[in-house]
Amino acid sequence: MTQSIARPKDTNAWIFQCWASFILATSTTAIGICYLPVDIWVKGFVGMGLTFSVGSSFTLAKTIRDNHESTRLAARIDEARVEKILAEHHPLK
């Protein structure tokens, strides 16, 4: 008996909202850094901080997703093992 596992799919509206909020947040922050009334070196320092913050956010999100998917995979493997054991066990033998 084979079961197809339905994977949750994000809606197009949600994907658009995520991208729009990301673009809006990073662009307004970058524009704010450009208009800061400080020396160019300070702007560069703050800009690098923004760049590293965005990069580490992507890395953290990917790590959390990968850990979640690995636990789901391990649970499916354990479930398949139990089903195999139950299918091979015939109490009337």
PDB file of N, CA and C in Angstrom:
ATOM      1  N   MET A   1       0.846  -1.158   0.000  1.00  0.00           N
ATOM      2  CA  MET A   1       0.000   0.000   0.000  1.00  0.00           C
ATOM      3  C   MET A   1       0.902   1.235   0.000  1.00  0.00           C
ATOM      4  N   THR A   2       0.762   2.039  -1.019  1.00  0.00           N
ATOM      5  CA  THR A   2       1.574   3.239  -1.150  1.00  0.00           C
ATOM      6  C   THR A   2       0.706   4.460  -0.909  1.00  0.00           C
ATOM      7  N   GLN A   3       1.177   5.323  -0.054  1.00  0.00           N
ATOM      8  CA  GLN A   3       0.457   6.559   0.223  1.00  0.00           C
ATOM      9  C   GLN A   3       1.239   7.719  -0.361  1.00  0.00           C
ATOM     10  N   SER A   4       0.520   8.618  -1.008  1.00  0.00           N
ATOM     11  CA  SER A   4       1.189   9.828  -1.479  1.00  0.00           C
ATOM     12  C   SER A   4       1.073  10.882  -0.381  1.00  0.00           C
ATOM     13  N   ILE A   5       2.168  11.501  -0.104  1.00  0.00           N
ATOM     14  CA  ILE A   5       2.203  12.490   0.964  1.00  0.00           C
ATOM     15  C   ILE A   5       1.972  13.866   0.342  1.00  0.00           C
ATOM     16  N   ALA A   6       0.933  14.527   0.802  1.00  0.00           N
ATOM     17  CA  ALA A   6       0.628  15.861   0.305  1.00  0.00           C
ATOM     18  C   ALA A   6       1.560  16.869   0.962  1.00  0.00           C
ATOM     19  N   ARG A   7       2.294  17.575   0.146  1.00  0.00           N
ATOM     20  CA  ARG A   7       3.203  18.588   0.665  1.00  0.00           C
ATOM     21  C   ARG A   7       2.479  19.926   0.699  1.00  0.00           C
ATOM     22  N   PRO A   8       2.603  20.638   1.796  1.00  0.00           N
ATOM     23  CA  PRO A   8       1.956  21.957   1.853  1.00  0.00           C
ATOM     24  C   PRO A   8       2.611  22.910   0.854  1.00  0.00           C
ATOM     25  N   LYS A   9       1.789  23.660   0.160  1.00  0.00           N
ATOM     26  CA  LYS A   9       2.269  24.598  -0.849  1.00  0.00           C
ATOM     27  C   LYS A   9       1.828  26.001  -0.472  1.00  0.00           C
ATOM     28  N   ASP A  10       2.768  26.942  -0.514  1.00  0.00           N
ATOM     29  CA  ASP A  10       2.441  28.333  -0.225  1.00  0.00           C
ATOM     30  C   ASP A  10       1.651  28.922  -1.385  1.00  0.00           C
ATOM     31  N   THR A  11       0.735  29.820  -1.052  1.00  0.00           N
ATOM     32  CA  THR A  11      -0.046  30.482  -2.087  1.00  0.00           C
ATOM     33  C   THR A  11       0.802  31.562  -2.762  1.00  0.00           C
ATOM     34  N   ASN A  12       0.392  31.937  -3.963  1.00  0.00           N
ATOM     35  CA  ASN A  12       1.111  32.981  -4.693  1.00  0.00           C
ATOM     36  C   ASN A  12       1.058  34.305  -3.945  1.00  0.00           C
ATOM     37  N   ALA A  13      -0.074  34.580  -3.269  1.00  0.00           N
ATOM     38  CA  ALA A  13      -0.199  35.822  -2.508  1.00  0.00           C
ATOM     39  C   ALA A  13       0.808  35.861  -1.366  1.00  0.00           C
ATOM     40  N   TRP A  14       1.009  34.731  -0.683  1.00  0.00           N
ATOM     41  CA  TRP A  14       1.970  34.676   0.420  1.00  0.00           C
ATOM     42  C   TRP A  14       3.391  34.870  -0.095  1.00  0.00           C
ATOM     43  N   ILE A  15       3.725  34.221  -1.201  1.00  0.00           N
ATOM     44  CA  ILE A  15       5.061  34.353  -1.779  1.00  0.00           C
ATOM     45  C   ILE A  15       5.308  35.804  -2.185  1.00  0.00           C
ATOM     46  N   PHE A  16       4.311  36.437  -2.810  1.00  0.00           N
ATOM     47  CA  PHE A  16       4.438  37.842  -3.193  1.00  0.00           C
ATOM     48  C   PHE A  16       4.637  38.718  -1.963  1.00  0.00           C
ATOM     49  N   GLN A  17       3.861  38.475  -0.915  1.00  0.00           N
ATOM     50  CA  GLN A  17       3.978  39.285   0.303  1.00  0.00           C
ATOM     51  C   GLN A  17       5.364  39.138   0.927  1.00  0.00           C
ATOM     52  N   CYS A  18       5.894  37.927   0.951  1.00  0.00           N
ATOM     53  CA  CYS A  18       7.234  37.711   1.509  1.00  0.00           C
ATOM     54  C   CYS A  18       8.293  38.470   0.722  1.00  0.00           C
ATOM     55  N   TRP A  19       8.258  38.355  -0.607  1.00  0.00           N
ATOM     56  CA  TRP A  19       9.233  39.056  -1.431  1.00  0.00           C
ATOM     57  C   TRP A  19       9.064  40.570  -1.335  1.00  0.00           C
ATOM     58  N   ALA A  20       7.825  41.031  -1.361  1.00  0.00           N
ATOM     59  CA  ALA A  20       7.586  42.477  -1.285  1.00  0.00           C
ATOM     60  C   ALA A  20       8.083  43.053   0.037  1.00  0.00           C
ATOM     61  N   SER A  21       7.822  42.363   1.136  1.00  0.00           N
ATOM     62  CA  SER A  21       8.276  42.869   2.426  1.00  0.00           C
ATOM     63  C   SER A  21       9.796  42.838   2.527  1.00  0.00           C
ATOM     64  N   PHE A  22      10.429  41.811   1.973  1.00  0.00           N
ATOM     65  CA  PHE A  22      11.888  41.734   1.983  1.00  0.00           C
ATOM     66  C   PHE A  22      12.493  42.874   1.167  1.00  0.00           C
ATOM     67  N   ILE A  23      11.985  43.079  -0.033  1.00  0.00           N
ATOM     68  CA  ILE A  23      12.513  44.135  -0.902  1.00  0.00           C
ATOM     69  C   ILE A  23      12.273  45.505  -0.282  1.00  0.00           C
ATOM     70  N   LEU A  24      11.091  45.721   0.260  1.00  0.00           N
ATOM     71  CA  LEU A  24      10.777  47.003   0.882  1.00  0.00           C
ATOM     72  C   LEU A  24      11.689  47.273   2.087  1.00  0.00           C
ATOM     73  N   ALA A  25      11.861  46.266   2.932  1.00  0.00           N
ATOM     74  CA  ALA A  25      12.676  46.454   4.136  1.00  0.00           C
ATOM     75  C   ALA A  25      14.138  46.727   3.795  1.00  0.00           C
ATOM     76  N   THR A  26      14.708  45.937   2.904  1.00  0.00           N
ATOM     77  CA  THR A  26      16.127  46.135   2.588  1.00  0.00           C
ATOM     78  C   THR A  26      16.358  47.422   1.803  1.00  0.00           C
ATOM     79  N   SER A  27      15.455  47.737   0.885  1.00  0.00           N
ATOM     80  CA  SER A  27      15.666  48.958   0.091  1.00  0.00           C
ATOM     81  C   SER A  27      15.490  50.218   0.935  1.00  0.00           C
ATOM     82  N   THR A  28      14.490  50.246   1.812  1.00  0.00           N
ATOM     83  CA  THR A  28      14.323  51.442   2.640  1.00  0.00           C
ATOM     84  C   THR A  28      15.469  51.584   3.636  1.00  0.00           C
ATOM     85  N   THR A  29      15.968  50.475   4.139  1.00  0.00           N
ATOM     86  CA  THR A  29      17.123  50.548   5.036  1.00  0.00           C
ATOM     87  C   THR A  29      18.362  51.043   4.285  1.00  0.00           C
ATOM     88  N   ALA A  30      18.555  50.534   3.063  1.00  0.00           N
ATOM     89  CA  ALA A  30      19.702  50.966   2.261  1.00  0.00           C
ATOM     90  C   ALA A  30      19.591  52.450   1.907  1.00  0.00           C
ATOM     91  N   ILE A  31      18.388  52.904   1.570  1.00  0.00           N
ATOM     92  CA  ILE A  31      18.188  54.324   1.269  1.00  0.00           C
ATOM     93  C   ILE A  31      18.452  55.160   2.523  1.00  0.00           C
ATOM     94  N   GLY A  32      17.977  54.680   3.659  1.00  0.00           N
ATOM     95  CA  GLY A  32      18.234  55.381   4.919  1.00  0.00           C
ATOM     96  C   GLY A  32      19.709  55.483   5.223  1.00  0.00           C
ATOM     97  N   ILE A  33      20.457  54.428   4.941  1.00  0.00           N
ATOM     98  CA  ILE A  33      21.906  54.460   5.160  1.00  0.00           C
ATOM     99  C   ILE A  33      22.554  55.481   4.223  1.00  0.00           C
ATOM    100  N   CYS A  34      22.099  55.532   2.977  1.00  0.00           N
ATOM    101  CA  CYS A  34      22.673  56.488   2.009  1.00  0.00           C
ATOM    102  C   CYS A  34      22.464  57.938   2.453  1.00  0.00           C
ATOM    103  N   TYR A  35      21.338  58.213   3.072  1.00  0.00           N
ATOM    104  CA  TYR A  35      21.025  59.589   3.473  1.00  0.00           C
ATOM    105  C   TYR A  35      21.440  59.921   4.909  1.00  0.00           C
ATOM    106  N   LEU A  36      22.152  59.023   5.555  1.00  0.00           N
ATOM    107  CA  LEU A  36      22.646  59.338   6.901  1.00  0.00           C
ATOM    108  C   LEU A  36      23.624  60.510   6.833  1.00  0.00           C
ATOM    109  N   PRO A  37      23.518  61.445   7.763  1.00  0.00           N
ATOM    110  CA  PRO A  37      24.451  62.592   7.749  1.00  0.00           C
ATOM    111  C   PRO A  37      25.761  62.265   8.471  1.00  0.00           C
ATOM    112  N   VAL A  38      26.439  61.232   7.970  1.00  0.00           N
ATOM    113  CA  VAL A  38      27.715  60.806   8.569  1.00  0.00           C
ATOM    114  C   VAL A  38      28.736  60.603   7.460  1.00  0.00           C
ATOM    115  N   ASP A  39      29.951  60.330   7.868  1.00  0.00           N
ATOM    116  CA  ASP A  39      31.044  60.097   6.935  1.00  0.00           C
ATOM    117  C   ASP A  39      30.789  58.818   6.135  1.00  0.00           C
ATOM    118  N   ILE A  40      31.403  58.724   4.947  1.00  0.00           N
ATOM    119  CA  ILE A  40      31.225  57.567   4.066  1.00  0.00           C
ATOM    120  C   ILE A  40      31.687  56.268   4.723  1.00  0.00           C
ATOM    121  N   TRP A  41      32.686  56.347   5.596  1.00  0.00           N
ATOM    122  CA  TRP A  41      33.172  55.141   6.267  1.00  0.00           C
ATOM    123  C   TRP A  41      32.128  54.594   7.230  1.00  0.00           C
ATOM    124  N   VAL A  42      31.407  55.458   7.884  1.00  0.00           N
ATOM    125  CA  VAL A  42      30.341  55.020   8.790  1.00  0.00           C
ATOM    126  C   VAL A  42      29.208  54.391   7.980  1.00  0.00           C
ATOM    127  N   LYS A  43      28.874  55.008   6.853  1.00  0.00           N
ATOM    128  CA  LYS A  43      27.837  54.439   5.981  1.00  0.00           C
ATOM    129  C   LYS A  43      28.247  53.052   5.487  1.00  0.00           C
ATOM    130  N   GLY A  44      29.505  52.915   5.126  1.00  0.00           N
ATOM    131  CA  GLY A  44      30.008  51.610   4.679  1.00  0.00           C
ATOM    132  C   GLY A  44      29.937  50.567   5.778  1.00  0.00           C
ATOM    133  N   PHE A  45      30.277  50.977   6.993  1.00  0.00           N
ATOM    134  CA  PHE A  45      30.222  50.059   8.128  1.00  0.00           C
ATOM    135  C   PHE A  45      28.791  49.597   8.386  1.00  0.00           C
ATOM    136  N   VAL A  46      27.851  50.541   8.378  1.00  0.00           N
ATOM    137  CA  VAL A  46      26.449  50.193   8.613  1.00  0.00           C
ATOM    138  C   VAL A  46      25.909  49.359   7.447  1.00  0.00           C
ATOM    139  N   GLY A  47      26.331  49.689   6.218  1.00  0.00           N
ATOM    140  CA  GLY A  47      25.919  48.907   5.049  1.00  0.00           C
ATOM    141  C   GLY A  47      26.414  47.472   5.114  1.00  0.00           C
ATOM    142  N   MET A  48      27.638  47.282   5.562  1.00  0.00           N
ATOM    143  CA  MET A  48      28.161  45.922   5.732  1.00  0.00           C
ATOM    144  C   MET A  48      27.389  45.180   6.818  1.00  0.00           C
ATOM    145  N   GLY A  49      27.009  45.896   7.872  1.00  0.00           N
ATOM    146  CA  GLY A  49      26.187  45.270   8.908  1.00  0.00           C
ATOM    147  C   GLY A  49      24.855  44.802   8.350  1.00  0.00           C
ATOM    148  N   LEU A  50      24.238  45.630   7.497  1.00  0.00           N
ATOM    149  CA  LEU A  50      22.981  45.235   6.848  1.00  0.00           C
ATOM    150  C   LEU A  50      23.185  44.009   5.963  1.00  0.00           C
ATOM    151  N   THR A  51      24.262  44.016   5.182  1.00  0.00           N
ATOM    152  CA  THR A  51      24.551  42.885   4.290  1.00  0.00           C
ATOM    153  C   THR A  51      24.737  41.589   5.080  1.00  0.00           C
ATOM    154  N   PHE A  52      25.510  41.638   6.141  1.00  0.00           N
ATOM    155  CA  PHE A  52      25.737  40.430   6.935  1.00  0.00           C
ATOM    156  C   PHE A  52      24.463  39.998   7.667  1.00  0.00           C
ATOM    157  N   SER A  53      23.648  40.944   8.086  1.00  0.00           N
ATOM    158  CA  SER A  53      22.390  40.586   8.750  1.00  0.00           C
ATOM    159  C   SER A  53      21.447  39.862   7.789  1.00  0.00           C
ATOM    160  N   VAL A  54      21.354  40.364   6.560  1.00  0.00           N
ATOM    161  CA  VAL A  54      20.491  39.713   5.566  1.00  0.00           C
ATOM    162  C   VAL A  54      21.029  38.320   5.244  1.00  0.00           C
ATOM    163  N   GLY A  55      22.330  38.207   5.038  1.00  0.00           N
ATOM    164  CA  GLY A  55      22.928  36.909   4.725  1.00  0.00           C
ATOM    165  C   GLY A  55      22.744  35.892   5.842  1.00  0.00           C
ATOM    166  N   SER A  56      22.938  36.324   7.072  1.00  0.00           N
ATOM    167  CA  SER A  56      22.775  35.385   8.190  1.00  0.00           C
ATOM    168  C   SER A  56      21.307  35.017   8.392  1.00  0.00           C
ATOM    169  N   SER A  57      20.403  35.911   8.045  1.00  0.00           N
ATOM    170  CA  SER A  57      18.971  35.576   8.128  1.00  0.00           C
ATOM    171  C   SER A  57      18.619  34.466   7.142  1.00  0.00           C
ATOM    172  N   PHE A  58      19.150  34.550   5.915  1.00  0.00           N
ATOM    173  CA  PHE A  58      18.914  33.488   4.939  1.00  0.00           C
ATOM    174  C   PHE A  58      19.513  32.169   5.410  1.00  0.00           C
ATOM    175  N   THR A  59      20.713  32.221   5.958  1.00  0.00           N
ATOM    176  CA  THR A  59      21.365  31.007   6.445  1.00  0.00           C
ATOM    177  C   THR A  59      20.576  30.375   7.591  1.00  0.00           C
ATOM    178  N   LEU A  60      20.110  31.194   8.518  1.00  0.00           N
ATOM    179  CA  LEU A  60      19.324  30.686   9.635  1.00  0.00           C
ATOM    180  C   LEU A  60      18.017  30.068   9.151  1.00  0.00           C
ATOM    181  N   ALA A  61      17.341  30.730   8.231  1.00  0.00           N
ATOM    182  CA  ALA A  61      16.078  30.194   7.704  1.00  0.00           C
ATOM    183  C   ALA A  61      16.300  28.857   7.007  1.00  0.00           C
ATOM    184  N   LYS A  62      17.360  28.746   6.227  1.00  0.00           N
ATOM    185  CA  LYS A  62      17.660  27.483   5.541  1.00  0.00           C
ATOM    186  C   LYS A  62      18.003  26.387   6.537  1.00  0.00           C
ATOM    187  N   THR A  63      18.753  26.703   7.560  1.00  0.00           N
ATOM    188  CA  THR A  63      19.123  25.716   8.567  1.00  0.00           C
ATOM    189  C   THR A  63      17.895  25.206   9.309  1.00  0.00           C
ATOM    190  N   ILE A  64      17.005  26.110   9.684  1.00  0.00           N
ATOM    191  CA  ILE A  64      15.780  25.706  10.377  1.00  0.00           C
ATOM    192  C   ILE A  64      14.934  24.822   9.470  1.00  0.00           C
ATOM    193  N   ARG A  65      14.807  25.207   8.194  1.00  0.00           N
ATOM    194  CA  ARG A  65      14.034  24.399   7.249  1.00  0.00           C
ATOM    195  C   ARG A  65      14.647  23.013   7.070  1.00  0.00           C
ATOM    196  N   ASP A  66      15.974  22.938   6.908  1.00  0.00           N
ATOM    197  CA  ASP A  66      16.642  21.653   6.718  1.00  0.00           C
ATOM    198  C   ASP A  66      16.477  20.754   7.938  1.00  0.00           C
ATOM    199  N   ASN A  67      16.600  21.322   9.139  1.00  0.00           N
ATOM    200  CA  ASN A  67      16.407  20.520  10.355  1.00  0.00           C
ATOM    201  C   ASN A  67      14.979  20.006  10.455  1.00  0.00           C
ATOM    202  N   HIS A  68      14.013  20.839  10.104  1.00  0.00           N
ATOM    203  CA  HIS A  68      12.610  20.421  10.148  1.00  0.00           C
ATOM    204  C   HIS A  68      12.354  19.299   9.139  1.00  0.00           C
ATOM    205  N   GLU A  69      12.878  19.453   7.918  1.00  0.00           N
ATOM    206  CA  GLU A  69      12.676  18.418   6.901  1.00  0.00           C
ATOM    207  C   GLU A  69      13.363  17.116   7.272  1.00  0.00           C
ATOM    208  N   SER A  70      14.517  17.182   7.932  1.00  0.00           N
ATOM    209  CA  SER A  70      15.208  15.947   8.318  1.00  0.00           C
ATOM    210  C   SER A  70      14.426  15.204   9.397  1.00  0.00           C
ATOM    211  N   THR A  71      13.791  15.933  10.315  1.00  0.00           N
ATOM    212  CA  THR A  71      12.983  15.244  11.323  1.00  0.00           C
ATOM    213  C   THR A  71      11.739  14.633  10.691  1.00  0.00           C
ATOM    214  N   ARG A  72      11.173  15.301   9.695  1.00  0.00           N
ATOM    215  CA  ARG A  72      10.023  14.729   8.998  1.00  0.00           C
ATOM    216  C   ARG A  72      10.420  13.468   8.248  1.00  0.00           C
ATOM    217  N   LEU A  73      11.607  13.490   7.611  1.00  0.00           N
ATOM    218  CA  LEU A  73      12.085  12.326   6.876  1.00  0.00           C
ATOM    219  C   LEU A  73      12.342  11.168   7.825  1.00  0.00           C
ATOM    220  N   ALA A  74      12.958  11.457   8.966  1.00  0.00           N
ATOM    221  CA  ALA A  74      13.225  10.400   9.948  1.00  0.00           C
ATOM    222  C   ALA A  74      11.912   9.805  10.459  1.00  0.00           C
ATOM    223  N   ALA A  75      10.909  10.626  10.670  1.00  0.00           N
ATOM    224  CA  ALA A  75       9.611  10.128  11.132  1.00  0.00           C
ATOM    225  C   ALA A  75       8.966   9.246  10.071  1.00  0.00           C
ATOM    226  N   ARG A  76       9.092   9.617   8.792  1.00  0.00           N
ATOM    227  CA  ARG A  76       8.520   8.802   7.715  1.00  0.00           C
ATOM    228  C   ARG A  76       9.246   7.468   7.599  1.00  0.00           C
ATOM    229  N   ILE A  77      10.571   7.476   7.792  1.00  0.00           N
ATOM    230  CA  ILE A  77      11.332   6.226   7.735  1.00  0.00           C
ATOM    231  C   ILE A  77      10.910   5.307   8.879  1.00  0.00           C
ATOM    232  N   ASP A  78      10.780   5.858  10.089  1.00  0.00           N
ATOM    233  CA  ASP A  78      10.335   5.054  11.231  1.00  0.00           C
ATOM    234  C   ASP A  78       8.934   4.500  10.995  1.00  0.00           C
ATOM    235  N   GLU A  79       8.056   5.316  10.427  1.00  0.00           N
ATOM    236  CA  GLU A  79       6.692   4.863  10.143  1.00  0.00           C
ATOM    237  C   GLU A  79       6.695   3.740   9.111  1.00  0.00           C
ATOM    238  N   ALA A  80       7.548   3.838   8.105  1.00  0.00           N
ATOM    239  CA  ALA A  80       7.648   2.792   7.089  1.00  0.00           C
ATOM    240  C   ALA A  80       8.167   1.490   7.700  1.00  0.00           C
ATOM    241  N   ARG A  81       9.110   1.587   8.624  1.00  0.00           N
ATOM    242  CA  ARG A  81       9.626   0.383   9.283  1.00  0.00           C
ATOM    243  C   ARG A  81       8.532  -0.306  10.096  1.00  0.00           C
ATOM    244  N   VAL A  82       7.761   0.480  10.830  1.00  0.00           N
ATOM    245  CA  VAL A  82       6.675  -0.092  11.631  1.00  0.00           C
ATOM    246  C   VAL A  82       5.637  -0.744  10.719  1.00  0.00           C
ATOM    247  N   GLU A  83       5.297  -0.091   9.619  1.00  0.00           N
ATOM    248  CA  GLU A  83       4.332  -0.677   8.687  1.00  0.00           C
ATOM    249  C   GLU A  83       4.856  -1.973   8.095  1.00  0.00           C
ATOM    250  N   LYS A  84       6.150  -2.038   7.791  1.00  0.00           N
ATOM    251  CA  LYS A  84       6.737  -3.271   7.249  1.00  0.00           C
ATOM    252  C   LYS A  84       6.673  -4.392   8.272  1.00  0.00           C
ATOM    253  N   ILE A  85       7.005  -4.073   9.520  1.00  0.00           N
ATOM    254  CA  ILE A  85       6.950  -5.092  10.579  1.00  0.00           C
ATOM    255  C   ILE A  85       5.524  -5.589  10.761  1.00  0.00           C
ATOM    256  N   LEU A  86       4.572  -4.675  10.771  1.00  0.00           N
ATOM    257  CA  LEU A  86       3.175  -5.059  10.929  1.00  0.00           C
ATOM    258  C   LEU A  86       2.669  -5.853   9.735  1.00  0.00           C
ATOM    259  N   ALA A  87       3.119  -5.529   8.536  1.00  0.00           N
ATOM    260  CA  ALA A  87       2.695  -6.260   7.339  1.00  0.00           C
ATOM    261  C   ALA A  87       3.283  -7.672   7.323  1.00  0.00           C
ATOM    262  N   GLU A  88       4.481  -7.826   7.862  1.00  0.00           N
ATOM    263  CA  GLU A  88       5.127  -9.176   7.868  1.00  0.00           C
ATOM    264  C   GLU A  88       4.604 -10.039   9.006  1.00  0.00           C
ATOM    265  N   HIS A  89       4.018  -9.457  10.009  1.00  0.00           N
ATOM    266  CA  HIS A  89       3.530 -10.209  11.150  1.00  0.00           C
ATOM    267  C   HIS A  89       2.114 -10.713  10.883  1.00  0.00           C
ATOM    268  N   HIS A  90       1.987 -12.022  10.827  1.00  0.00           N
ATOM    269  CA  HIS A  90       0.674 -12.650  10.629  1.00  0.00           C
ATOM    270  C   HIS A  90       0.366 -13.486  11.858  1.00  0.00           C
ATOM    271  N   PRO A  91      -0.604 -13.102  12.671  1.00  0.00           N
ATOM    272  CA  PRO A  91      -0.857 -13.823  13.913  1.00  0.00           C
ATOM    273  C   PRO A  91      -1.399 -15.241  13.700  1.00  0.00           C
ATOM    274  N   LEU A  92      -1.906 -15.567  12.523  1.00  0.00           N
ATOM    275  CA  LEU A  92      -2.480 -16.887  12.287  1.00  0.00           C
ATOM    276  C   LEU A  92      -1.474 -17.891  11.754  1.00  0.00           C
ATOM    277  N   LYS A  93      -0.226 -17.487  11.570  1.00  0.00           N
ATOM    278  CA  LYS A  93       0.817 -18.407  11.088  1.00  0.00           C
ATOM    279  C   LYS A  93       1.227 -19.352  12.165  1.00  0.00           C
TER     280      LYS A  93
END
